[in-house]
Amino acid sequence: MKNVVRSEMLRSVSGLSVAAVYLVAVLMPVFVLFSDGARFDLAGLDAGTATTRLLEPLAWCAVSAAFVGAYGITRECYYGSLGRTLSSVALSRAFWGKIIGGAVVGVAMVSGILVVWTLGVSIVLARAGLSLSWEPDAWRLYAGALLGAVLGAPIGAAVGWIVRNYYAAAALLIVIPLALEFTLLRVAPEVARFSPGLALAALGVPGHQDRMLEFGPALGVGLAWVAALTAVAWLVAARRRP
């Protein structure tokens, strides 16, 4: 199993097409940042509040991790090589190897985003005459973003196994959170808060604007999504060979 996971990790970071995948993944927190122009209005704010405001989009990195988690499966489906993989490796090893490998790569990618984002935030704050302030809320955001990535990447891998199509996975994991979940959050937050993307985002910003779940319920909902989608993915993969 260790060799299978290592192979999947290498597969997820190799090739020219991977650059576009990670670019799309990085755009998720960027979209959240620019969806609310008020985030850049730092006048009159103390360093702690300003830092937290600019770090909040990191909570949505779970969606980015989900997209990357699906890549190991959808890439092989795109190039028609999944059949050869399953012929050389047992389905159970390939299934869990791709999920675990995708999770490791997804968390590593989010860790990199955290570092780069923090550097960018420090520059924005400096221009406003402020500096980074490591308040408890900031550490909570970092921890929540990483935990969201841990849960988001397996969700993405499960969706990849279910749909086995790069474009369908992209639509489900990127377009729907951007177009549907954000819209529902504004008009029907009592429903939207239980969606996978917003439940995982709530791990970093629990109770955000009184519309998202608190940490405990968000963790429970996130784990439920992981378990349910992984179970469905296993049933689909076991019944449908490429």
C-alpha atoms as a PDB file:
ATOM      1  CA  MET A   1       0.000   0.000   0.000  1.00  0.00           C
ATOM      2  CA  LYS A   2       2.846   2.373   0.815  1.00  0.00           C
ATOM      3  CA  ASN A   3       4.190   2.074  -2.741  1.00  0.00           C
ATOM      4  CA  VAL A   4       0.731   2.679  -4.199  1.00  0.00           C
ATOM      5  CA  VAL A   5       0.261   5.832  -2.112  1.00  0.00           C
ATOM      6  CA  ARG A   6       3.726   7.073  -3.086  1.00  0.00           C
ATOM      7  CA  SER A   7       2.934   6.430  -6.737  1.00  0.00           C
ATOM      8  CA  GLU A   8      -0.326   8.356  -6.504  1.00  0.00           C
ATOM      9  CA  MET A   9       1.419  11.269  -4.834  1.00  0.00           C
ATOM     10  CA  LEU A  10       3.969  11.431  -7.643  1.00  0.00           C
ATOM     11  CA  ARG A  11       1.204  11.162 -10.227  1.00  0.00           C
ATOM     12  CA  SER A  12      -0.580  14.128  -8.658  1.00  0.00           C
ATOM     13  CA  VAL A  13       2.426  16.437  -8.989  1.00  0.00           C
ATOM     14  CA  SER A  14       3.821  15.357 -12.351  1.00  0.00           C
ATOM     15  CA  GLY A  15       3.087  16.498 -15.889  1.00  0.00           C
ATOM     16  CA  LEU A  16       2.462  19.876 -17.458  1.00  0.00           C
ATOM     17  CA  SER A  17      -1.294  19.764 -16.890  1.00  0.00           C
ATOM     18  CA  VAL A  18      -0.854  19.743 -13.123  1.00  0.00           C
ATOM     19  CA  ALA A  19       0.062  23.449 -13.176  1.00  0.00           C
ATOM     20  CA  ALA A  20      -3.431  24.348 -14.420  1.00  0.00           C
ATOM     21  CA  VAL A  21      -5.029  22.164 -11.741  1.00  0.00           C
ATOM     22  CA  TYR A  22      -3.193  23.893  -8.920  1.00  0.00           C
ATOM     23  CA  LEU A  23      -3.857  27.297 -10.440  1.00  0.00           C
ATOM     24  CA  VAL A  24      -7.601  26.593 -10.375  1.00  0.00           C
ATOM     25  CA  ALA A  25      -7.287  25.356  -6.795  1.00  0.00           C
ATOM     26  CA  VAL A  26      -5.545  28.542  -5.671  1.00  0.00           C
ATOM     27  CA  LEU A  27      -8.274  30.661  -7.268  1.00  0.00           C
ATOM     28  CA  MET A  28     -10.864  29.472  -4.725  1.00  0.00           C
ATOM     29  CA  PRO A  29      -9.663  31.587  -1.775  1.00  0.00           C
ATOM     30  CA  VAL A  30      -8.865  34.401  -4.220  1.00  0.00           C
ATOM     31  CA  PHE A  31     -12.485  34.376  -5.408  1.00  0.00           C
ATOM     32  CA  VAL A  32     -13.716  34.530  -1.813  1.00  0.00           C
ATOM     33  CA  LEU A  33     -11.341  37.405  -1.089  1.00  0.00           C
ATOM     34  CA  PHE A  34     -12.538  39.532  -3.993  1.00  0.00           C
ATOM     35  CA  SER A  35     -16.205  38.580  -3.663  1.00  0.00           C
ATOM     36  CA  ASP A  36     -16.381  41.035  -0.777  1.00  0.00           C
ATOM     37  CA  GLY A  37     -14.602  44.296  -1.554  1.00  0.00           C
ATOM     38  CA  ALA A  38     -15.033  45.390   2.046  1.00  0.00           C
ATOM     39  CA  ARG A  39     -12.196  43.058   3.067  1.00  0.00           C
ATOM     40  CA  PHE A  40      -9.700  45.630   1.785  1.00  0.00           C
ATOM     41  CA  ASP A  41     -11.271  48.445   3.773  1.00  0.00           C
ATOM     42  CA  LEU A  42      -8.906  48.316   6.737  1.00  0.00           C
ATOM     43  CA  ALA A  43      -9.302  51.917   7.862  1.00  0.00           C
ATOM     44  CA  GLY A  44      -9.877  52.160  11.594  1.00  0.00           C
ATOM     45  CA  LEU A  45      -9.266  48.459  12.231  1.00  0.00           C
ATOM     46  CA  ASP A  46      -6.727  47.159  14.704  1.00  0.00           C
ATOM     47  CA  ALA A  47      -4.016  44.774  13.491  1.00  0.00           C
ATOM     48  CA  GLY A  48      -5.752  41.674  14.880  1.00  0.00           C
ATOM     49  CA  THR A  49      -9.101  42.350  13.228  1.00  0.00           C
ATOM     50  CA  ALA A  50      -7.486  43.324   9.925  1.00  0.00           C
ATOM     51  CA  THR A  51      -5.313  40.199   9.918  1.00  0.00           C
ATOM     52  CA  THR A  52      -8.283  37.933  10.578  1.00  0.00           C
ATOM     53  CA  ARG A  53     -10.385  39.602   7.891  1.00  0.00           C
ATOM     54  CA  LEU A  54      -7.716  39.003   5.243  1.00  0.00           C
ATOM     55  CA  LEU A  55      -7.029  35.432   6.391  1.00  0.00           C
ATOM     56  CA  GLU A  56     -10.680  34.344   6.377  1.00  0.00           C
ATOM     57  CA  PRO A  57     -10.733  33.237   2.694  1.00  0.00           C
ATOM     58  CA  LEU A  58      -8.260  30.485   3.635  1.00  0.00           C
ATOM     59  CA  ALA A  59     -11.163  28.628   5.243  1.00  0.00           C
ATOM     60  CA  TRP A  60     -12.391  27.796   1.728  1.00  0.00           C
ATOM     61  CA  CYS A  61      -9.155  25.965   0.867  1.00  0.00           C
ATOM     62  CA  ALA A  62     -11.028  22.745   1.636  1.00  0.00           C
ATOM     63  CA  VAL A  63     -12.718  23.133  -1.749  1.00  0.00           C
ATOM     64  CA  SER A  64      -9.315  23.527  -3.384  1.00  0.00           C
ATOM     65  CA  ALA A  65      -8.097  20.357  -1.670  1.00  0.00           C
ATOM     66  CA  ALA A  66     -11.169  18.492  -2.918  1.00  0.00           C
ATOM     67  CA  PHE A  67     -10.415  19.495  -6.501  1.00  0.00           C
ATOM     68  CA  VAL A  68      -6.805  18.334  -6.174  1.00  0.00           C
ATOM     69  CA  GLY A  69      -7.923  15.128  -4.457  1.00  0.00           C
ATOM     70  CA  ALA A  70     -10.012  14.192  -7.490  1.00  0.00           C
ATOM     71  CA  TYR A  71      -7.162  14.811  -9.930  1.00  0.00           C
ATOM     72  CA  GLY A  72      -5.424  11.465  -9.434  1.00  0.00           C
ATOM     73  CA  ILE A  73      -8.533   9.600 -10.617  1.00  0.00           C
ATOM     74  CA  THR A  74      -9.899  11.974 -13.242  1.00  0.00           C
ATOM     75  CA  ARG A  75      -6.492  12.367 -14.876  1.00  0.00           C
ATOM     76  CA  GLU A  76      -6.212   8.614 -15.437  1.00  0.00           C
ATOM     77  CA  CYS A  77      -9.761   8.513 -16.762  1.00  0.00           C
ATOM     78  CA  TYR A  78      -8.965  11.371 -19.144  1.00  0.00           C
ATOM     79  CA  TYR A  79      -5.953   9.545 -20.575  1.00  0.00           C
ATOM     80  CA  GLY A  80      -7.634   6.140 -20.470  1.00  0.00           C
ATOM     81  CA  SER A  81      -5.034   4.571 -18.193  1.00  0.00           C
ATOM     82  CA  LEU A  82      -7.223   3.671 -15.217  1.00  0.00           C
ATOM     83  CA  GLY A  83      -7.920   0.238 -16.669  1.00  0.00           C
ATOM     84  CA  ARG A  84      -4.205  -0.573 -16.794  1.00  0.00           C
ATOM     85  CA  THR A  85      -3.800   0.608 -13.212  1.00  0.00           C
ATOM     86  CA  LEU A  86      -6.598  -1.633 -11.991  1.00  0.00           C
ATOM     87  CA  SER A  87      -5.147  -4.546 -13.954  1.00  0.00           C
ATOM     88  CA  SER A  88      -1.813  -4.226 -12.190  1.00  0.00           C
ATOM     89  CA  VAL A  89      -3.077  -3.185  -8.751  1.00  0.00           C
ATOM     90  CA  ALA A  90      -6.036  -4.609  -6.853  1.00  0.00           C
ATOM     91  CA  LEU A  91      -9.071  -2.352  -6.774  1.00  0.00           C
ATOM     92  CA  SER A  92      -8.962  -1.947  -2.999  1.00  0.00           C
ATOM     93  CA  ARG A  93      -5.307  -0.852  -3.080  1.00  0.00           C
ATOM     94  CA  ALA A  94      -5.884   1.524  -6.000  1.00  0.00           C
ATOM     95  CA  PHE A  95      -9.019   2.942  -4.390  1.00  0.00           C
ATOM     96  CA  TRP A  96      -7.489   3.690  -1.006  1.00  0.00           C
ATOM     97  CA  GLY A  97      -4.119   4.565  -2.485  1.00  0.00           C
ATOM     98  CA  LYS A  98      -5.669   7.314  -4.582  1.00  0.00           C
ATOM     99  CA  ILE A  99      -7.738   8.632  -1.685  1.00  0.00           C
ATOM    100  CA  ILE A 100      -4.811   8.692   0.750  1.00  0.00           C
ATOM    101  CA  GLY A 101      -2.360  10.009  -1.841  1.00  0.00           C
ATOM    102  CA  GLY A 102      -4.788  12.720  -2.889  1.00  0.00           C
ATOM    103  CA  ALA A 103      -5.318  13.705   0.739  1.00  0.00           C
ATOM    104  CA  VAL A 104      -1.572  14.040   1.376  1.00  0.00           C
ATOM    105  CA  VAL A 105      -1.059  16.149  -1.751  1.00  0.00           C
ATOM    106  CA  GLY A 106      -4.140  18.248  -0.993  1.00  0.00           C
ATOM    107  CA  VAL A 107      -2.947  19.044   2.528  1.00  0.00           C
ATOM    108  CA  ALA A 108       0.558  19.822   1.255  1.00  0.00           C
ATOM    109  CA  MET A 109      -0.899  22.184  -1.350  1.00  0.00           C
ATOM    110  CA  VAL A 110      -3.038  23.961   1.223  1.00  0.00           C
ATOM    111  CA  SER A 111      -0.001  24.300   3.492  1.00  0.00           C
ATOM    112  CA  GLY A 112       1.791  26.043   0.653  1.00  0.00           C
ATOM    113  CA  ILE A 113      -1.191  28.315   0.063  1.00  0.00           C
ATOM    114  CA  LEU A 114      -1.191  29.263   3.756  1.00  0.00           C
ATOM    115  CA  VAL A 115       2.442  30.351   3.567  1.00  0.00           C
ATOM    116  CA  VAL A 116       2.060  32.339   0.339  1.00  0.00           C
ATOM    117  CA  TRP A 117      -1.230  33.887   1.462  1.00  0.00           C
ATOM    118  CA  THR A 118       0.277  34.972   4.763  1.00  0.00           C
ATOM    119  CA  LEU A 119       3.121  36.698   2.942  1.00  0.00           C
ATOM    120  CA  GLY A 120       0.595  38.492   0.732  1.00  0.00           C
ATOM    121  CA  VAL A 121      -1.471  39.537   3.745  1.00  0.00           C
ATOM    122  CA  SER A 122       1.624  40.940   5.452  1.00  0.00           C
ATOM    123  CA  ILE A 123       2.277  43.127   2.393  1.00  0.00           C
ATOM    124  CA  VAL A 124      -1.318  44.404   2.270  1.00  0.00           C
ATOM    125  CA  LEU A 125      -1.236  45.161   5.986  1.00  0.00           C
ATOM    126  CA  ALA A 126       2.093  46.943   5.712  1.00  0.00           C
ATOM    127  CA  ARG A 127       0.668  49.256   3.049  1.00  0.00           C
ATOM    128  CA  ALA A 128      -2.136  50.102   5.461  1.00  0.00           C
ATOM    129  CA  GLY A 129       0.357  50.850   8.222  1.00  0.00           C
ATOM    130  CA  LEU A 130      -0.388  47.609  10.093  1.00  0.00           C
ATOM    131  CA  SER A 131       1.434  44.368  10.761  1.00  0.00           C
ATOM    132  CA  LEU A 132       0.451  40.738  11.138  1.00  0.00           C
ATOM    133  CA  SER A 133      -1.122  39.979  14.488  1.00  0.00           C
ATOM    134  CA  TRP A 134      -1.199  36.371  15.629  1.00  0.00           C
ATOM    135  CA  GLU A 135      -4.500  36.427  17.466  1.00  0.00           C
ATOM    136  CA  PRO A 136      -6.283  33.174  18.468  1.00  0.00           C
ATOM    137  CA  ASP A 137      -8.681  33.681  15.547  1.00  0.00           C
ATOM    138  CA  ALA A 138      -5.760  33.628  13.102  1.00  0.00           C
ATOM    139  CA  TRP A 139      -4.427  30.325  14.468  1.00  0.00           C
ATOM    140  CA  ARG A 140      -7.958  28.925  14.384  1.00  0.00           C
ATOM    141  CA  LEU A 141      -8.181  29.847  10.707  1.00  0.00           C
ATOM    142  CA  TYR A 142      -4.930  28.050   9.903  1.00  0.00           C
ATOM    143  CA  ALA A 143      -5.957  24.942  11.842  1.00  0.00           C
ATOM    144  CA  GLY A 144      -9.426  24.954  10.317  1.00  0.00           C
ATOM    145  CA  ALA A 145      -8.057  25.319   6.796  1.00  0.00           C
ATOM    146  CA  LEU A 146      -5.749  22.340   7.277  1.00  0.00           C
ATOM    147  CA  LEU A 147      -8.472  20.220   8.865  1.00  0.00           C
ATOM    148  CA  GLY A 148     -10.801  21.190   6.045  1.00  0.00           C
ATOM    149  CA  ALA A 149      -8.170  20.043   3.559  1.00  0.00           C
ATOM    150  CA  VAL A 150      -7.819  16.706   5.375  1.00  0.00           C
ATOM    151  CA  LEU A 151     -11.551  16.109   4.914  1.00  0.00           C
ATOM    152  CA  GLY A 152     -11.957  17.879   1.583  1.00  0.00           C
ATOM    153  CA  ALA A 153      -9.357  15.902  -0.361  1.00  0.00           C
ATOM    154  CA  PRO A 154     -11.020  12.502   0.296  1.00  0.00           C
ATOM    155  CA  ILE A 155     -14.362  14.023  -0.697  1.00  0.00           C
ATOM    156  CA  GLY A 156     -12.799  15.084  -3.979  1.00  0.00           C
ATOM    157  CA  ALA A 157     -11.255  11.660  -4.506  1.00  0.00           C
ATOM    158  CA  ALA A 158     -14.614  10.001  -3.844  1.00  0.00           C
ATOM    159  CA  VAL A 159     -16.313  12.274  -6.380  1.00  0.00           C
ATOM    160  CA  GLY A 160     -13.554  11.406  -8.842  1.00  0.00           C
ATOM    161  CA  TRP A 161     -14.237   7.690  -8.413  1.00  0.00           C
ATOM    162  CA  ILE A 162     -17.963   8.245  -8.825  1.00  0.00           C
ATOM    163  CA  VAL A 163     -17.998  10.430 -11.951  1.00  0.00           C
ATOM    164  CA  ARG A 164     -14.661   9.369 -13.514  1.00  0.00           C
ATOM    165  CA  ASN A 165     -14.612  12.488 -15.641  1.00  0.00           C
ATOM    166  CA  TYR A 166     -12.328  15.504 -15.216  1.00  0.00           C
ATOM    167  CA  TYR A 167     -14.856  18.110 -16.338  1.00  0.00           C
ATOM    168  CA  ALA A 168     -17.736  16.635 -14.358  1.00  0.00           C
ATOM    169  CA  ALA A 169     -15.569  16.538 -11.237  1.00  0.00           C
ATOM    170  CA  ALA A 170     -14.492  20.142 -11.813  1.00  0.00           C
ATOM    171  CA  ALA A 171     -18.120  21.206 -12.124  1.00  0.00           C
ATOM    172  CA  LEU A 172     -19.148  19.393  -8.946  1.00  0.00           C
ATOM    173  CA  LEU A 173     -16.172  20.454  -6.851  1.00  0.00           C
ATOM    174  CA  ILE A 174     -15.518  24.010  -8.068  1.00  0.00           C
ATOM    175  CA  VAL A 175     -18.503  25.394  -9.988  1.00  0.00           C
ATOM    176  CA  ILE A 176     -21.193  24.197  -7.584  1.00  0.00           C
ATOM    177  CA  PRO A 177     -19.498  25.610  -4.451  1.00  0.00           C
ATOM    178  CA  LEU A 178     -18.924  28.935  -6.229  1.00  0.00           C
ATOM    179  CA  ALA A 179     -22.287  29.226  -7.985  1.00  0.00           C
ATOM    180  CA  LEU A 180     -24.726  27.276  -5.820  1.00  0.00           C
ATOM    181  CA  GLU A 181     -23.408  27.137  -2.264  1.00  0.00           C
ATOM    182  CA  PHE A 182     -22.511  30.825  -2.111  1.00  0.00           C
ATOM    183  CA  THR A 183     -25.902  31.763  -3.540  1.00  0.00           C
ATOM    184  CA  LEU A 184     -27.732  29.542  -1.065  1.00  0.00           C
ATOM    185  CA  LEU A 185     -25.666  31.018   1.768  1.00  0.00           C
ATOM    186  CA  ARG A 186     -27.213  34.406   0.993  1.00  0.00           C
ATOM    187  CA  VAL A 187     -30.802  33.301   0.433  1.00  0.00           C
ATOM    188  CA  ALA A 188     -31.171  30.075   2.426  1.00  0.00           C
ATOM    189  CA  PRO A 189     -28.315  29.775   4.945  1.00  0.00           C
ATOM    190  CA  GLU A 190     -30.222  27.194   6.972  1.00  0.00           C
ATOM    191  CA  VAL A 191     -29.827  24.821   3.996  1.00  0.00           C
ATOM    192  CA  ALA A 192     -26.469  25.972   2.631  1.00  0.00           C
ATOM    193  CA  ARG A 193     -24.625  25.475   5.915  1.00  0.00           C
ATOM    194  CA  PHE A 194     -25.014  21.700   5.556  1.00  0.00           C
ATOM    195  CA  SER A 195     -23.479  21.567   2.069  1.00  0.00           C
ATOM    196  CA  PRO A 196     -20.005  19.949   1.980  1.00  0.00           C
ATOM    197  CA  GLY A 197     -18.076  23.043   0.906  1.00  0.00           C
ATOM    198  CA  LEU A 198     -19.582  25.388   3.471  1.00  0.00           C
ATOM    199  CA  ALA A 199     -19.506  22.800   6.255  1.00  0.00           C
ATOM    200  CA  LEU A 200     -15.765  22.367   5.751  1.00  0.00           C
ATOM    201  CA  ALA A 201     -15.228  26.115   5.427  1.00  0.00           C
ATOM    202  CA  ALA A 202     -16.971  26.545   8.779  1.00  0.00           C
ATOM    203  CA  LEU A 203     -14.112  24.649  10.425  1.00  0.00           C
ATOM    204  CA  GLY A 204     -11.993  27.760   9.886  1.00  0.00           C
ATOM    205  CA  VAL A 205     -14.693  30.386  10.369  1.00  0.00           C
ATOM    206  CA  PRO A 206     -17.268  28.743  12.675  1.00  0.00           C
ATOM    207  CA  GLY A 207     -20.520  30.647  12.922  1.00  0.00           C
ATOM    208  CA  HIS A 208     -19.382  33.127  10.267  1.00  0.00           C
ATOM    209  CA  GLN A 209     -21.892  35.996  10.007  1.00  0.00           C
ATOM    210  CA  ASP A 210     -24.339  33.827  11.983  1.00  0.00           C
ATOM    211  CA  ARG A 211     -24.976  31.834   8.810  1.00  0.00           C
ATOM    212  CA  MET A 212     -22.492  28.971   9.029  1.00  0.00           C
ATOM    213  CA  LEU A 213     -22.245  26.055  11.436  1.00  0.00           C
ATOM    214  CA  GLU A 214     -20.247  26.164  14.631  1.00  0.00           C
ATOM    215  CA  PHE A 215     -17.096  24.038  14.780  1.00  0.00           C
ATOM    216  CA  GLY A 216     -18.545  20.893  16.377  1.00  0.00           C
ATOM    217  CA  PRO A 217     -21.555  20.522  14.060  1.00  0.00           C
ATOM    218  CA  ALA A 218     -19.405  21.471  11.058  1.00  0.00           C
ATOM    219  CA  LEU A 219     -16.922  18.706  11.891  1.00  0.00           C
ATOM    220  CA  GLY A 220     -19.750  16.209  12.256  1.00  0.00           C
ATOM    221  CA  VAL A 221     -21.317  17.203   8.941  1.00  0.00           C
ATOM    222  CA  GLY A 222     -17.929  17.122   7.219  1.00  0.00           C
ATOM    223  CA  LEU A 223     -17.185  13.626   8.514  1.00  0.00           C
ATOM    224  CA  ALA A 224     -20.654  12.491   7.441  1.00  0.00           C
ATOM    225  CA  TRP A 225     -20.023  13.759   3.894  1.00  0.00           C
ATOM    226  CA  VAL A 226     -16.652  11.977   3.797  1.00  0.00           C
ATOM    227  CA  ALA A 227     -18.144   8.694   5.008  1.00  0.00           C
ATOM    228  CA  ALA A 228     -21.191   8.823   2.730  1.00  0.00           C
ATOM    229  CA  LEU A 229     -19.350   9.798  -0.448  1.00  0.00           C
ATOM    230  CA  THR A 230     -16.522   7.328   0.187  1.00  0.00           C
ATOM    231  CA  ALA A 231     -19.042   4.521   0.666  1.00  0.00           C
ATOM    232  CA  VAL A 232     -20.868   5.447  -2.547  1.00  0.00           C
ATOM    233  CA  ALA A 233     -17.546   5.729  -4.389  1.00  0.00           C
ATOM    234  CA  TRP A 234     -16.502   2.242  -3.245  1.00  0.00           C
ATOM    235  CA  LEU A 235     -19.800   0.711  -4.344  1.00  0.00           C
ATOM    236  CA  VAL A 236     -19.564   2.429  -7.731  1.00  0.00           C
ATOM    237  CA  ALA A 237     -15.932   1.459  -8.225  1.00  0.00           C
ATOM    238  CA  ALA A 238     -16.598  -2.166  -7.249  1.00  0.00           C
ATOM    239  CA  ARG A 239     -19.522  -2.500  -9.670  1.00  0.00           C
ATOM    240  CA  ARG A 240     -18.157  -0.516 -12.597  1.00  0.00           C
ATOM    241  CA  ARG A 241     -14.833  -1.424 -14.079  1.00  0.00           C
ATOM    242  CA  PRO A 242     -13.251   0.963 -16.656  1.00  0.00           C
END
